[in-house]
Amino acid sequence: MAQLVLITREGCCLCQGLEEKLTASAVLFERIDVDSHPQLLTRFDLEVPVLLLRQGEAEAVLPRVSPRLSPPQLRAWLEQLGAL
């Protein structure tokens, strides 16, 4: 089963906006603070927010989400990508 992961940072307005839209869309996701994981910090430091799709050991970085998407549009976009 696929798992959606939001790589975020405290104090990041784009991260907070995406997290709020995911929650409003009733999308289940895991939230990880990039600053608490050295490997993720090295990989995604200035790129947050980042959405990852994990399936077992495999992991795919999803395209950057437009902050202009509404919660229903975000859900439809994730469904199109096969993330839901």
Protein backbone atom coordinates (compact mmCIF):
# COMPACT_ATOMS: atom_id res chain seq x y z
CA MET A 1 0.00 0.00 0.00
CA ALA A 2 1.27 3.47 -0.91
CA GLN A 3 2.00 6.03 1.78
CA LEU A 4 2.06 9.78 1.19
CA VAL A 5 4.76 11.67 3.13
CA LEU A 6 4.98 15.44 3.53
CA ILE A 7 8.50 16.70 4.14
CA THR A 8 8.03 20.03 5.90
CA ARG A 9 9.70 22.62 8.10
CA GLU A 10 8.46 24.59 11.10
CA GLY A 11 7.79 28.21 10.18
CA CYS A 12 7.48 27.53 6.43
CA CYS A 13 4.29 29.15 5.11
CA LEU A 14 4.25 27.00 1.94
CA CYS A 15 4.61 23.87 4.08
CA GLN A 16 1.81 24.95 6.38
CA GLY A 17 -0.46 25.76 3.43
CA LEU A 18 0.09 22.36 1.82
CA GLU A 19 -0.44 20.56 5.12
CA GLU A 20 -3.74 22.42 5.64
CA LYS A 21 -4.91 21.56 2.12
CA LEU A 22 -4.01 17.89 2.54
CA THR A 23 -5.93 17.80 5.81
CA ALA A 24 -8.93 19.61 4.28
CA SER A 25 -8.87 17.11 1.39
CA ALA A 26 -9.15 14.20 3.85
CA VAL A 27 -5.84 12.84 2.55
CA LEU A 28 -3.92 10.58 4.93
CA PHE A 29 -0.24 11.47 5.13
CA GLU A 30 2.78 11.28 7.38
CA ARG A 31 4.43 14.59 8.30
CA ILE A 32 8.22 14.69 8.73
CA ASP A 33 10.16 17.79 9.79
CA VAL A 34 13.18 18.00 7.47
CA ASP A 35 15.31 19.60 10.19
CA SER A 36 15.01 16.56 12.46
CA HIS A 37 16.37 14.10 9.86
CA PRO A 38 19.95 14.74 8.64
CA GLN A 39 19.56 12.64 5.48
CA LEU A 40 16.36 14.43 4.48
CA LEU A 41 17.90 17.79 5.33
CA THR A 42 20.81 17.08 2.99
CA ARG A 43 18.43 15.99 0.24
CA PHE A 44 15.56 18.51 0.55
CA ASP A 45 16.82 21.46 2.62
CA LEU A 46 15.67 24.35 0.42
CA GLU A 47 13.02 22.41 -1.51
CA VAL A 48 10.35 21.98 1.17
CA PRO A 49 7.51 21.29 1.05
CA VAL A 50 8.09 17.98 -0.70
CA LEU A 51 5.60 15.15 -1.19
CA LEU A 52 6.97 11.61 -1.34
CA LEU A 53 5.09 8.50 -2.32
CA ARG A 54 6.44 5.42 -0.55
CA GLN A 55 5.55 1.91 -1.62
CA GLY A 56 7.48 -0.61 0.39
CA GLU A 57 11.17 0.14 -0.15
CA ALA A 58 10.48 2.27 -3.25
CA GLU A 59 10.11 6.02 -2.97
CA ALA A 60 9.11 8.63 -5.56
CA VAL A 61 9.26 12.40 -5.22
CA LEU A 62 6.03 13.88 -6.56
CA PRO A 63 6.09 17.03 -8.69
CA ARG A 64 5.92 20.32 -6.80
CA VAL A 65 2.38 21.20 -5.80
CA SER A 66 1.02 24.55 -6.94
CA PRO A 67 0.01 26.65 -3.91
CA ARG A 68 -2.97 27.82 -5.98
CA LEU A 69 -4.70 24.44 -5.92
CA SER A 70 -7.81 24.23 -3.79
CA PRO A 71 -8.21 21.18 -1.51
CA PRO A 72 -10.53 19.40 -4.01
CA GLN A 73 -8.12 20.16 -6.87
CA LEU A 74 -5.22 18.84 -4.79
CA ARG A 75 -7.08 15.61 -4.08
CA ALA A 76 -7.94 15.18 -7.79
CA TRP A 77 -4.30 15.85 -8.74
CA LEU A 78 -3.08 13.23 -6.26
CA GLU A 79 -5.63 10.75 -7.62
CA GLN A 80 -4.41 11.40 -11.19
CA LEU A 81 -0.84 10.65 -10.07
CA GLY A 82 -1.98 7.42 -8.43
CA ALA A 83 -0.99 8.65 -5.00
CA LEU A 84 -4.44 7.93 -3.53
